[in-house]
Every structure is written in C-alpha cells, then in structure tokens.
PDB file of N, CA and C in Angstrom:
ATOM      1  N   MET A   1      -7.342  52.085 -24.233  1.00  0.00           N
ATOM      2  CA  MET A   1      -6.300  50.926 -24.782  1.00  0.00           C
ATOM      3  C   MET A   1      -6.300  49.698 -23.914  1.00  0.00           C
ATOM      4  N   PRO A   2      -6.823  48.505 -24.276  1.00  0.00           N
ATOM      5  CA  PRO A   2      -6.673  47.291 -23.428  1.00  0.00           C
ATOM      6  C   PRO A   2      -5.393  46.856 -22.974  1.00  0.00           C
ATOM      7  N   MET A   3      -5.266  46.340 -21.615  1.00  0.00           N
ATOM      8  CA  MET A   3      -3.847  45.907 -21.336  1.00  0.00           C
ATOM      9  C   MET A   3      -3.633  44.477 -21.939  1.00  0.00           C
ATOM     10  N   THR A   4      -2.343  44.394 -22.056  1.00  0.00           N
ATOM     11  CA  THR A   4      -1.936  42.990 -22.484  1.00  0.00           C
ATOM     12  C   THR A   4      -2.095  42.128 -21.663  1.00  0.00           C
ATOM     13  N   ARG A   5      -2.777  40.747 -22.199  1.00  0.00           N
ATOM     14  CA  ARG A   5      -2.857  39.679 -21.283  1.00  0.00           C
ATOM     15  C   ARG A   5      -1.732  38.870 -21.310  1.00  0.00           C
ATOM     16  N   GLN A   6      -1.137  38.280 -20.346  1.00  0.00           N
ATOM     17  CA  GLN A   6       0.003  37.576 -20.371  1.00  0.00           C
ATOM     18  C   GLN A   6      -0.051  36.272 -19.179  1.00  0.00           C
ATOM     19  N   ALA A   7       1.046  35.537 -19.418  1.00  0.00           N
ATOM     20  CA  ALA A   7       1.052  34.450 -18.399  1.00  0.00           C
ATOM     21  C   ALA A   7       1.426  35.056 -16.910  1.00  0.00           C
ATOM     22  N   ILE A   8       0.985  34.419 -15.956  1.00  0.00           N
ATOM     23  CA  ILE A   8       1.218  35.044 -14.492  1.00  0.00           C
ATOM     24  C   ILE A   8       2.628  35.013 -14.204  1.00  0.00           C
ATOM     25  N   PRO A   9       3.418  35.843 -13.900  1.00  0.00           N
ATOM     26  CA  PRO A   9       4.755  35.766 -13.646  1.00  0.00           C
ATOM     27  C   PRO A   9       4.913  35.034 -12.011  1.00  0.00           C
ATOM     28  N   GLU A  10       5.741  34.273 -11.833  1.00  0.00           N
ATOM     29  CA  GLU A  10       5.967  33.345 -10.586  1.00  0.00           C
ATOM     30  C   GLU A  10       5.919  34.457  -9.227  1.00  0.00           C
ATOM     31  N   HIS A  11       6.292  35.457  -9.297  1.00  0.00           N
ATOM     32  CA  HIS A  11       6.313  36.429  -7.867  1.00  0.00           C
ATOM     33  C   HIS A  11       4.728  36.931  -7.796  1.00  0.00           C
ATOM     34  N   ILE A  12       4.094  37.012  -8.856  1.00  0.00           N
ATOM     35  CA  ILE A  12       2.573  37.311  -8.703  1.00  0.00           C
ATOM     36  C   ILE A  12       1.896  36.015  -8.301  1.00  0.00           C
ATOM     37  N   LYS A  13       2.353  34.693  -8.713  1.00  0.00           N
ATOM     38  CA  LYS A  13       1.543  33.600  -8.119  1.00  0.00           C
ATOM     39  C   LYS A  13       1.911  33.467  -6.734  1.00  0.00           C
ATOM     40  N   GLN A  14       2.930  33.703  -6.260  1.00  0.00           N
ATOM     41  CA  GLN A  14       3.569  33.568  -4.832  1.00  0.00           C
ATOM     42  C   GLN A  14       2.703  34.465  -4.120  1.00  0.00           C
ATOM     43  N   ALA A  15       2.593  35.673  -4.489  1.00  0.00           N
ATOM     44  CA  ALA A  15       1.765  36.764  -3.540  1.00  0.00           C
ATOM     45  C   ALA A  15       0.342  36.374  -3.675  1.00  0.00           C
ATOM     46  N   ALA A  16      -0.325  35.792  -4.682  1.00  0.00           N
ATOM     47  CA  ALA A  16      -1.676  35.282  -4.626  1.00  0.00           C
ATOM     48  C   ALA A  16      -1.767  34.025  -3.643  1.00  0.00           C
ATOM     49  N   ASP A  17      -0.848  32.945  -3.717  1.00  0.00           N
ATOM     50  CA  ASP A  17      -0.893  32.051  -2.831  1.00  0.00           C
ATOM     51  C   ASP A  17      -0.802  32.301  -1.455  1.00  0.00           C
ATOM     52  N   ALA A  18       0.054  33.360  -0.952  1.00  0.00           N
ATOM     53  CA  ALA A  18       0.076  34.011   0.435  1.00  0.00           C
ATOM     54  C   ALA A  18      -1.221  34.700   0.670  1.00  0.00           C
ATOM     55  N   ALA A  19      -1.711  35.367  -0.274  1.00  0.00           N
ATOM     56  CA  ALA A  19      -3.027  36.091   0.162  1.00  0.00           C
ATOM     57  C   ALA A  19      -4.172  34.936   0.550  1.00  0.00           C
ATOM     58  N   ILE A  20      -4.203  33.885  -0.289  1.00  0.00           N
ATOM     59  CA  ILE A  20      -5.213  32.761  -0.118  1.00  0.00           C
ATOM     60  C   ILE A  20      -4.808  32.042   1.064  1.00  0.00           C
ATOM     61  N   GLN A  21      -3.491  31.808   1.405  1.00  0.00           N
ATOM     62  CA  GLN A  21      -3.351  31.067   2.489  1.00  0.00           C
ATOM     63  C   GLN A  21      -3.721  31.762   3.632  1.00  0.00           C
ATOM     64  N   ASP A  22      -3.347  33.180   3.788  1.00  0.00           N
ATOM     65  CA  ASP A  22      -3.612  33.880   4.920  1.00  0.00           C
ATOM     66  C   ASP A  22      -5.116  33.941   5.162  1.00  0.00           C
ATOM     67  N   PHE A  23      -5.843  33.976   4.197  1.00  0.00           N
ATOM     68  CA  PHE A  23      -7.422  34.204   4.131  1.00  0.00           C
ATOM     69  C   PHE A  23      -7.807  32.495   4.851  1.00  0.00           C
ATOM     70  N   ASN A  24      -7.237  31.433   4.322  1.00  0.00           N
ATOM     71  CA  ASN A  24      -7.695  30.136   5.006  1.00  0.00           C
ATOM     72  C   ASN A  24      -7.287  30.234   6.380  1.00  0.00           C
ATOM     73  N   THR A  25      -6.218  30.657   6.785  1.00  0.00           N
ATOM     74  CA  THR A  25      -5.638  30.637   8.086  1.00  0.00           C
ATOM     75  C   THR A  25      -6.514  31.364   9.127  1.00  0.00           C
ATOM     76  N   ARG A  26      -6.638  32.732   8.628  1.00  0.00           N
ATOM     77  CA  ARG A  26      -7.254  33.593   9.420  1.00  0.00           C
ATOM     78  C   ARG A  26      -8.740  33.845   9.545  1.00  0.00           C
ATOM     79  N   VAL A  27      -9.336  33.419   8.256  1.00  0.00           N
ATOM     80  CA  VAL A  27     -10.912  33.543   8.044  1.00  0.00           C
ATOM     81  C   VAL A  27     -11.351  32.156   8.383  1.00  0.00           C
ATOM     82  N   ILE A  28     -11.036  31.366   7.625  1.00  0.00           N
ATOM     83  CA  ILE A  28     -11.662  29.889   7.659  1.00  0.00           C
ATOM     84  C   ILE A  28     -11.048  29.103   8.653  1.00  0.00           C
ATOM     85  N   GLY A  29      -9.931  28.905   9.143  1.00  0.00           N
ATOM     86  CA  GLY A  29      -9.468  28.302  10.243  1.00  0.00           C
ATOM     87  C   GLY A  29      -9.707  26.904  10.381  1.00  0.00           C
ATOM     88  N   ASP A  30     -10.101  26.312   9.215  1.00  0.00           N
ATOM     89  CA  ASP A  30     -10.405  24.765   9.279  1.00  0.00           C
ATOM     90  C   ASP A  30      -9.568  23.966   8.400  1.00  0.00           C
ATOM     91  N   PRO A  31      -8.784  23.023   8.974  1.00  0.00           N
ATOM     92  CA  PRO A  31      -7.731  22.372   8.002  1.00  0.00           C
ATOM     93  C   PRO A  31      -8.570  21.455   6.948  1.00  0.00           C
ATOM     94  N   GLU A  32      -9.936  21.198   7.040  1.00  0.00           N
ATOM     95  CA  GLU A  32     -10.754  20.282   6.387  1.00  0.00           C
ATOM     96  C   GLU A  32     -11.474  21.110   5.330  1.00  0.00           C
ATOM     97  N   GLN A  33     -11.490  22.646   5.374  1.00  0.00           N
ATOM     98  CA  GLN A  33     -12.166  23.373   4.449  1.00  0.00           C
ATOM     99  C   GLN A  33     -11.060  24.547   4.125  1.00  0.00           C
ATOM    100  N   PHE A  34     -10.895  24.646   2.894  1.00  0.00           N
ATOM    101  CA  PHE A  34      -9.839  25.795   2.428  1.00  0.00           C
ATOM    102  C   PHE A  34     -10.115  26.102   0.953  1.00  0.00           C
ATOM    103  N   PHE A  35      -9.262  27.302   0.473  1.00  0.00           N
ATOM    104  CA  PHE A  35      -9.408  27.448  -0.919  1.00  0.00           C
ATOM    105  C   PHE A  35      -8.147  27.087  -1.493  1.00  0.00           C
ATOM    106  N   THR A  36      -8.234  26.433  -2.644  1.00  0.00           N
ATOM    107  CA  THR A  36      -6.914  25.884  -3.324  1.00  0.00           C
ATOM    108  C   THR A  36      -6.947  26.714  -4.740  1.00  0.00           C
ATOM    109  N   VAL A  37      -5.771  26.829  -5.274  1.00  0.00           N
ATOM    110  CA  VAL A  37      -5.595  27.496  -6.602  1.00  0.00           C
ATOM    111  C   VAL A  37      -5.064  26.551  -7.571  1.00  0.00           C
ATOM    112  N   ARG A  38      -5.619  26.884  -8.838  1.00  0.00           N
ATOM    113  CA  ARG A  38      -4.956  26.295 -10.080  1.00  0.00           C
ATOM    114  C   ARG A  38      -4.410  27.505 -10.998  1.00  0.00           C
ATOM    115  N   TYR A  39      -3.519  27.294 -11.636  1.00  0.00           N
ATOM    116  CA  TYR A  39      -3.074  28.292 -12.639  1.00  0.00           C
ATOM    117  C   TYR A  39      -3.018  27.674 -14.015  1.00  0.00           C
ATOM    118  N   ARG A  40      -3.290  28.356 -14.906  1.00  0.00           N
ATOM    119  CA  ARG A  40      -3.427  28.009 -16.312  1.00  0.00           C
ATOM    120  C   ARG A  40      -3.310  29.413 -17.228  1.00  0.00           C
ATOM    121  N   GLY A  41      -2.021  29.454 -17.810  1.00  0.00           N
ATOM    122  CA  GLY A  41      -1.774  30.519 -18.581  1.00  0.00           C
ATOM    123  C   GLY A  41      -1.998  31.959 -17.885  1.00  0.00           C
ATOM    124  N   LYS A  42      -3.022  32.589 -18.438  1.00  0.00           N
ATOM    125  CA  LYS A  42      -3.188  34.073 -17.706  1.00  0.00           C
ATOM    126  C   LYS A  42      -4.288  33.848 -16.412  1.00  0.00           C
ATOM    127  N   TYR A  43      -4.767  32.586 -16.326  1.00  0.00           N
ATOM    128  CA  TYR A  43      -5.899  32.205 -15.616  1.00  0.00           C
ATOM    129  C   TYR A  43      -5.568  31.692 -13.943  1.00  0.00           C
ATOM    130  N   LEU A  44      -6.284  32.512 -12.894  1.00  0.00           N
ATOM    131  CA  LEU A  44      -5.941  31.710 -11.632  1.00  0.00           C
ATOM    132  C   LEU A  44      -7.308  31.201 -11.151  1.00  0.00           C
ATOM    133  N   TYR A  45      -7.556  30.177 -10.996  1.00  0.00           N
ATOM    134  CA  TYR A  45      -8.699  29.408 -10.767  1.00  0.00           C
ATOM    135  C   TYR A  45      -8.797  29.196  -9.285  1.00  0.00           C
ATOM    136  N   LEU A  46      -9.870  29.642  -8.532  1.00  0.00           N
ATOM    137  CA  LEU A  46     -10.043  29.486  -7.319  1.00  0.00           C
ATOM    138  C   LEU A  46     -11.103  28.492  -6.768  1.00  0.00           C
ATOM    139  N   ASP A  47     -10.680  27.306  -6.129  1.00  0.00           N
ATOM    140  CA  ASP A  47     -11.593  26.305  -5.904  1.00  0.00           C
ATOM    141  C   ASP A  47     -11.588  26.024  -4.048  1.00  0.00           C
ATOM    142  N   ARG A  48     -12.904  25.633  -3.637  1.00  0.00           N
ATOM    143  CA  ARG A  48     -12.959  25.393  -2.309  1.00  0.00           C
ATOM    144  C   ARG A  48     -13.127  23.944  -2.091  1.00  0.00           C
ATOM    145  N   ARG A  49     -12.288  23.626  -1.196  1.00  0.00           N
ATOM    146  CA  ARG A  49     -12.250  22.134  -0.784  1.00  0.00           C
ATOM    147  C   ARG A  49     -13.010  22.091   0.582  1.00  0.00           C
ATOM    148  N   GLU A  50     -14.033  21.317   0.609  1.00  0.00           N
ATOM    149  CA  GLU A  50     -14.811  21.166   1.962  1.00  0.00           C
ATOM    150  C   GLU A  50     -14.949  19.654   2.305  1.00  0.00           C
ATOM    151  N   TYR A  51     -14.242  19.133   3.165  1.00  0.00           N
ATOM    152  CA  TYR A  51     -14.220  17.731   3.356  1.00  0.00           C
ATOM    153  C   TYR A  51     -14.342  16.682   2.402  1.00  0.00           C
ATOM    154  N   GLY A  52     -13.635  17.168   1.281  1.00  0.00           N
ATOM    155  CA  GLY A  52     -13.652  16.218   0.190  1.00  0.00           C
ATOM    156  C   GLY A  52     -13.075  16.898  -1.143  1.00  0.00           C
ATOM    157  N   PRO A  53     -13.537  16.622  -2.280  1.00  0.00           N
ATOM    158  CA  PRO A  53     -12.927  17.264  -3.492  1.00  0.00           C
ATOM    159  C   PRO A  53     -13.199  18.835  -3.426  1.00  0.00           C
ATOM    160  N   ALA A  54     -12.537  19.390  -4.224  1.00  0.00           N
ATOM    161  CA  ALA A  54     -12.588  20.826  -4.494  1.00  0.00           C
ATOM    162  C   ALA A  54     -13.497  21.021  -5.544  1.00  0.00           C
ATOM    163  N   HIS A  55     -14.352  22.248  -5.331  1.00  0.00           N
ATOM    164  CA  HIS A  55     -15.411  22.787  -6.281  1.00  0.00           C
ATOM    165  C   HIS A  55     -15.042  24.310  -6.642  1.00  0.00           C
ATOM    166  N   PRO A  56     -15.178  24.492  -7.974  1.00  0.00           N
ATOM    167  CA  PRO A  56     -14.941  25.680  -8.529  1.00  0.00           C
ATOM    168  C   PRO A  56     -15.699  26.888  -7.901  1.00  0.00           C
ATOM    169  N   ARG A  57     -15.181  28.222  -7.691  1.00  0.00           N
ATOM    170  CA  ARG A  57     -15.800  29.208  -7.105  1.00  0.00           C
ATOM    171  C   ARG A  57     -15.689  30.267  -8.051  1.00  0.00           C
ATOM    172  N   CYS A  58     -14.523  30.786  -8.467  1.00  0.00           N
ATOM    173  CA  CYS A  58     -14.273  31.996  -9.279  1.00  0.00           C
ATOM    174  C   CYS A  58     -12.996  31.830 -10.224  1.00  0.00           C
ATOM    175  N   ARG A  59     -12.951  32.268 -11.099  1.00  0.00           N
ATOM    176  CA  ARG A  59     -11.691  32.504 -11.997  1.00  0.00           C
ATOM    177  C   ARG A  59     -11.105  34.042 -12.056  1.00  0.00           C
ATOM    178  N   LEU A  60      -9.878  34.229 -11.918  1.00  0.00           N
ATOM    179  CA  LEU A  60      -9.384  35.605 -12.046  1.00  0.00           C
ATOM    180  C   LEU A  60      -8.368  35.402 -13.311  1.00  0.00           C
ATOM    181  N   THR A  61      -8.533  36.543 -14.138  1.00  0.00           N
ATOM    182  CA  THR A  61      -7.663  36.747 -15.423  1.00  0.00           C
ATOM    183  C   THR A  61      -6.735  37.696 -15.020  1.00  0.00           C
ATOM    184  N   TYR A  62      -5.274  37.550 -15.127  1.00  0.00           N
ATOM    185  CA  TYR A  62      -4.092  38.457 -14.832  1.00  0.00           C
ATOM    186  C   TYR A  62      -4.143  39.446 -15.997  1.00  0.00           C
ATOM    187  N   THR A  63      -4.090  40.753 -15.504  1.00  0.00           N
ATOM    188  CA  THR A  63      -4.072  41.737 -16.581  1.00  0.00           C
ATOM    189  C   THR A  63      -2.850  42.495 -16.695  1.00  0.00           C
ATOM    190  N   GLY A  64      -1.866  42.038 -15.884  1.00  0.00           N
ATOM    191  CA  GLY A  64      -0.510  42.654 -15.907  1.00  0.00           C
ATOM    192  C   GLY A  64      -0.151  43.472 -14.772  1.00  0.00           C
ATOM    193  N   SER A  65      -1.181  43.390 -13.712  1.00  0.00           N
ATOM    194  CA  SER A  65      -0.930  44.010 -12.694  1.00  0.00           C
ATOM    195  C   SER A  65      -1.787  43.109 -11.424  1.00  0.00           C
ATOM    196  N   ASP A  66      -0.824  43.315 -10.287  1.00  0.00           N
ATOM    197  CA  ASP A  66      -1.352  42.365  -9.198  1.00  0.00           C
ATOM    198  C   ASP A  66      -2.504  42.930  -8.427  1.00  0.00           C
ATOM    199  N   ASP A  67      -3.245  44.167  -8.725  1.00  0.00           N
ATOM    200  CA  ASP A  67      -4.300  44.647  -7.916  1.00  0.00           C
ATOM    201  C   ASP A  67      -5.541  45.055  -9.134  1.00  0.00           C
ATOM    202  N   HIS A  68      -5.267  44.301 -10.289  1.00  0.00           N
ATOM    203  CA  HIS A  68      -6.206  44.689 -11.338  1.00  0.00           C
ATOM    204  C   HIS A  68      -6.649  43.266 -12.043  1.00  0.00           C
ATOM    205  N   TRP A  69      -7.032  42.464 -11.427  1.00  0.00           N
ATOM    206  CA  TRP A  69      -7.420  41.087 -11.633  1.00  0.00           C
ATOM    207  C   TRP A  69      -8.892  41.346 -12.440  1.00  0.00           C
ATOM    208  N   GLU A  70      -9.279  40.519 -13.519  1.00  0.00           N
ATOM    209  CA  GLU A  70     -10.577  40.387 -13.911  1.00  0.00           C
ATOM    210  C   GLU A  70     -11.112  39.342 -13.268  1.00  0.00           C
ATOM    211  N   PHE A  71     -12.489  39.440 -12.723  1.00  0.00           N
ATOM    212  CA  PHE A  71     -13.103  38.411 -11.854  1.00  0.00           C
ATOM    213  C   PHE A  71     -14.203  37.900 -12.744  1.00  0.00           C
ATOM    214  N   ALA A  72     -14.326  36.468 -12.554  1.00  0.00           N
ATOM    215  CA  ALA A  72     -15.493  35.722 -13.056  1.00  0.00           C
ATOM    216  C   ALA A  72     -16.033  34.772 -12.069  1.00  0.00           C
ATOM    217  N   ILE A  73     -17.198  34.882 -11.695  1.00  0.00           N
ATOM    218  CA  ILE A  73     -17.927  33.873 -10.656  1.00  0.00           C
ATOM    219  C   ILE A  73     -18.196  32.590 -11.580  1.00  0.00           C
ATOM    220  N   TYR A  74     -18.132  31.368 -10.823  1.00  0.00           N
ATOM    221  CA  TYR A  74     -18.506  30.183 -11.467  1.00  0.00           C
ATOM    222  C   TYR A  74     -19.981  30.185 -11.276  1.00  0.00           C
ATOM    223  N   LYS A  75     -20.950  29.759 -12.299  1.00  0.00           N
ATOM    224  CA  LYS A  75     -22.065  29.628 -12.329  1.00  0.00           C
ATOM    225  C   LYS A  75     -22.489  28.231 -12.426  1.00  0.00           C
ATOM    226  N   TYR A  76     -22.833  27.503 -11.120  1.00  0.00           N
ATOM    227  CA  TYR A  76     -23.393  26.084 -11.222  1.00  0.00           C
ATOM    228  C   TYR A  76     -24.361  25.896 -12.159  1.00  0.00           C
ATOM    229  N   SER A  77     -25.447  26.774 -12.392  1.00  0.00           N
ATOM    230  CA  SER A  77     -26.633  26.718 -13.283  1.00  0.00           C
ATOM    231  C   SER A  77     -25.953  26.416 -14.753  1.00  0.00           C
ATOM    232  N   ASP A  78     -25.079  27.132 -15.270  1.00  0.00           N
ATOM    233  CA  ASP A  78     -24.532  26.907 -16.505  1.00  0.00           C
ATOM    234  C   ASP A  78     -23.076  26.255 -16.551  1.00  0.00           C
ATOM    235  N   ALA A  79     -22.701  25.941 -15.431  1.00  0.00           N
ATOM    236  CA  ALA A  79     -21.284  25.193 -15.480  1.00  0.00           C
ATOM    237  C   ALA A  79     -20.271  26.081 -16.254  1.00  0.00           C
ATOM    238  N   CYS A  80     -20.119  27.386 -15.919  1.00  0.00           N
ATOM    239  CA  CYS A  80     -19.287  28.122 -16.448  1.00  0.00           C
ATOM    240  C   CYS A  80     -18.659  29.316 -15.815  1.00  0.00           C
ATOM    241  N   TYR A  81     -17.543  29.884 -16.026  1.00  0.00           N
ATOM    242  CA  TYR A  81     -17.330  31.043 -15.502  1.00  0.00           C
ATOM    243  C   TYR A  81     -17.836  32.196 -16.224  1.00  0.00           C
ATOM    244  N   ASP A  82     -18.589  33.284 -15.270  1.00  0.00           N
ATOM    245  CA  ASP A  82     -19.300  34.292 -16.057  1.00  0.00           C
ATOM    246  C   ASP A  82     -18.768  35.555 -15.457  1.00  0.00           C
ATOM    247  N   PRO A  83     -17.960  36.174 -16.352  1.00  0.00           N
ATOM    248  CA  PRO A  83     -17.488  37.527 -15.899  1.00  0.00           C
ATOM    249  C   PRO A  83     -18.482  38.877 -16.039  1.00  0.00           C
ATOM    250  N   THR A  84     -19.783  38.488 -16.586  1.00  0.00           N
ATOM    251  CA  THR A  84     -20.700  39.431 -16.603  1.00  0.00           C
ATOM    252  C   THR A  84     -21.507  39.543 -15.310  1.00  0.00           C
ATOM    253  N   ALA A  85     -21.610  38.258 -14.584  1.00  0.00           N
ATOM    254  CA  ALA A  85     -22.480  38.327 -13.304  1.00  0.00           C
ATOM    255  C   ALA A  85     -22.100  39.295 -12.381  1.00  0.00           C
ATOM    256  N   TRP A  86     -22.857  40.003 -11.987  1.00  0.00           N
ATOM    257  CA  TRP A  86     -22.384  41.066 -10.796  1.00  0.00           C
ATOM    258  C   TRP A  86     -23.730  40.967  -9.667  1.00  0.00           C
ATOM    259  N   PHE A  87     -24.551  40.284 -10.009  1.00  0.00           N
ATOM    260  CA  PHE A  87     -25.771  40.436  -8.819  1.00  0.00           C
ATOM    261  C   PHE A  87     -25.620  39.128  -8.252  1.00  0.00           C
ATOM    262  N   PHE A  88     -24.551  38.887  -7.242  1.00  0.00           N
ATOM    263  CA  PHE A  88     -24.549  37.556  -6.308  1.00  0.00           C
ATOM    264  C   PHE A  88     -23.848  38.155  -5.002  1.00  0.00           C
ATOM    265  N   PRO A  89     -24.329  37.389  -3.809  1.00  0.00           N
ATOM    266  CA  PRO A  89     -23.775  37.791  -2.603  1.00  0.00           C
ATOM    267  C   PRO A  89     -22.314  38.007  -2.729  1.00  0.00           C
ATOM    268  N   GLY A  90     -21.777  39.056  -2.103  1.00  0.00           N
ATOM    269  CA  GLY A  90     -20.166  39.144  -2.019  1.00  0.00           C
ATOM    270  C   GLY A  90     -19.632  39.789  -3.204  1.00  0.00           C
ATOM    271  N   ALA A  91     -20.312  40.204  -4.118  1.00  0.00           N
ATOM    272  CA  ALA A  91     -20.071  40.896  -5.351  1.00  0.00           C
ATOM    273  C   ALA A  91     -19.347  42.472  -4.949  1.00  0.00           C
ATOM    274  N   GLN A  92     -19.840  42.741  -3.769  1.00  0.00           N
ATOM    275  CA  GLN A  92     -19.324  44.085  -3.207  1.00  0.00           C
ATOM    276  C   GLN A  92     -17.764  44.062  -2.836  1.00  0.00           C
ATOM    277  N   TYR A  93     -17.336  42.632  -2.934  1.00  0.00           N
ATOM    278  CA  TYR A  93     -15.714  42.501  -2.243  1.00  0.00           C
ATOM    279  C   TYR A  93     -14.879  42.546  -3.591  1.00  0.00           C
ATOM    280  N   VAL A  94     -15.483  42.270  -4.645  1.00  0.00           N
ATOM    281  CA  VAL A  94     -14.759  42.359  -5.957  1.00  0.00           C
ATOM    282  C   VAL A  94     -14.030  43.666  -6.105  1.00  0.00           C
ATOM    283  N   ASP A  95     -12.694  43.713  -6.006  1.00  0.00           N
ATOM    284  CA  ASP A  95     -12.045  45.080  -6.392  1.00  0.00           C
ATOM    285  C   ASP A  95     -10.788  45.009  -7.098  1.00  0.00           C
ATOM    286  N   GLY A  96     -10.683  43.985  -7.789  1.00  0.00           N
ATOM    287  CA  GLY A  96      -9.382  43.802  -8.568  1.00  0.00           C
ATOM    288  C   GLY A  96      -8.237  42.981  -7.841  1.00  0.00           C
ATOM    289  N   THR A  97      -8.550  42.603  -6.627  1.00  0.00           N
ATOM    290  CA  THR A  97      -7.286  41.819  -5.703  1.00  0.00           C
ATOM    291  C   THR A  97      -7.674  40.500  -5.504  1.00  0.00           C
ATOM    292  N   VAL A  98      -6.751  39.775  -5.355  1.00  0.00           N
ATOM    293  CA  VAL A  98      -6.928  38.241  -4.940  1.00  0.00           C
ATOM    294  C   VAL A  98      -7.824  38.250  -3.644  1.00  0.00           C
ATOM    295  N   ALA A  99      -7.472  38.989  -2.757  1.00  0.00           N
ATOM    296  CA  ALA A  99      -8.093  38.937  -1.430  1.00  0.00           C
ATOM    297  C   ALA A  99      -9.580  39.361  -1.611  1.00  0.00           C
ATOM    298  N   GLY A 100      -9.827  40.083  -2.540  1.00  0.00           N
ATOM    299  CA  GLY A 100     -11.233  40.747  -2.793  1.00  0.00           C
ATOM    300  C   GLY A 100     -12.173  39.570  -3.290  1.00  0.00           C
ATOM    301  N   ALA A 101     -11.269  38.835  -4.059  1.00  0.00           N
ATOM    302  CA  ALA A 101     -12.047  37.547  -4.863  1.00  0.00           C
ATOM    303  C   ALA A 101     -12.196  36.599  -4.062  1.00  0.00           C
ATOM    304  N   VAL A 102     -11.361  36.082  -2.957  1.00  0.00           N
ATOM    305  CA  VAL A 102     -11.587  35.125  -2.204  1.00  0.00           C
ATOM    306  C   VAL A 102     -12.909  35.609  -1.078  1.00  0.00           C
ATOM    307  N   HIS A 103     -12.986  36.914  -0.623  1.00  0.00           N
ATOM    308  CA  HIS A 103     -14.169  37.384   0.088  1.00  0.00           C
ATOM    309  C   HIS A 103     -15.201  37.049  -0.696  1.00  0.00           C
ATOM    310  N   ALA A 104     -15.377  37.566  -1.907  1.00  0.00           N
ATOM    311  CA  ALA A 104     -16.433  37.448  -2.723  1.00  0.00           C
ATOM    312  C   ALA A 104     -16.859  35.922  -3.034  1.00  0.00           C
ATOM    313  N   ALA A 105     -15.838  35.083  -3.115  1.00  0.00           N
ATOM    314  CA  ALA A 105     -16.243  33.492  -3.340  1.00  0.00           C
ATOM    315  C   ALA A 105     -16.605  33.092  -1.964  1.00  0.00           C
ATOM    316  N   VAL A 106     -16.284  33.394  -0.872  1.00  0.00           N
ATOM    317  CA  VAL A 106     -16.761  32.717   0.328  1.00  0.00           C
ATOM    318  C   VAL A 106     -18.309  33.220   0.765  1.00  0.00           C
ATOM    319  N   GLU A 107     -18.757  34.551   0.058  1.00  0.00           N
ATOM    320  CA  GLU A 107     -19.968  34.969   0.410  1.00  0.00           C
ATOM    321  C   GLU A 107     -20.796  34.322  -0.542  1.00  0.00           C
ATOM    322  N   ALA A 108     -20.387  34.368  -1.930  1.00  0.00           N
ATOM    323  CA  ALA A 108     -21.295  33.796  -2.933  1.00  0.00           C
ATOM    324  C   ALA A 108     -21.629  32.253  -2.509  1.00  0.00           C
ATOM    325  N   TYR A 109     -20.529  31.424  -2.287  1.00  0.00           N
ATOM    326  CA  TYR A 109     -20.834  30.206  -1.820  1.00  0.00           C
ATOM    327  C   TYR A 109     -20.322  29.975  -0.243  1.00  0.00           C
ATOM    328  N   PRO A 110     -21.069  30.138   0.625  1.00  0.00           N
ATOM    329  CA  PRO A 110     -20.589  29.976   1.879  1.00  0.00           C
ATOM    330  C   PRO A 110     -20.282  28.624   2.296  1.00  0.00           C
TER     331      PRO A 110
END
C-alpha cells in the first residue's frame, strides 16, 4: 500500500535544513558555494549556489518519514526532475535520507 503524501511538517523541515547546513559547513566549507532549500507542498528542492545564482540539483518528495524521501535528479538536458534516472555519478548515495541526497547531488554536479 503506498504511503500517504503530505505537506512536510515543520520539525522535518528543521531537521532537513540542519543536515544540509552541516554538509555545507563540513564538506563544502566555502561561503560562496553551498546548497539551498526550497519547500513547496510535499517537495523539498535542493539547489546549489556557486558564486552567483542557485541552480537546481534534485527534488525530494516527503513520504511521511524523515528517512524515506523519494529522490529525483534534475536533468538539465530535459529541464525537469526525473525520479526514474538512476545511472548518474552519486546514485549510490541515494538512501532515502536528506544527507544521502546532498551527497548524490554533489557527485552528480561537482
């Protein structure tokens, strides 16, 4: 039976923000390059800012659990998020978590 899709609760957003901030600080460590987050309904959009405007990297869909997000990589060739694409650098990090998604995004688009 599929999980119910719902808007992302505030405490889940706060945990996601903390995981992304930790990655920005610990792994990237450059105040001019970092991941940013946008929320819209059940979606978390992960963008990367590099010395200028932010560019899309991936989209996570909230499924009701903080460790079972659905992942969709942004495909620049089609200008869309593709949840069926699994052959890209970093796909091995996609594990249903926000931290895994950030690792996958940085590998897919270094």
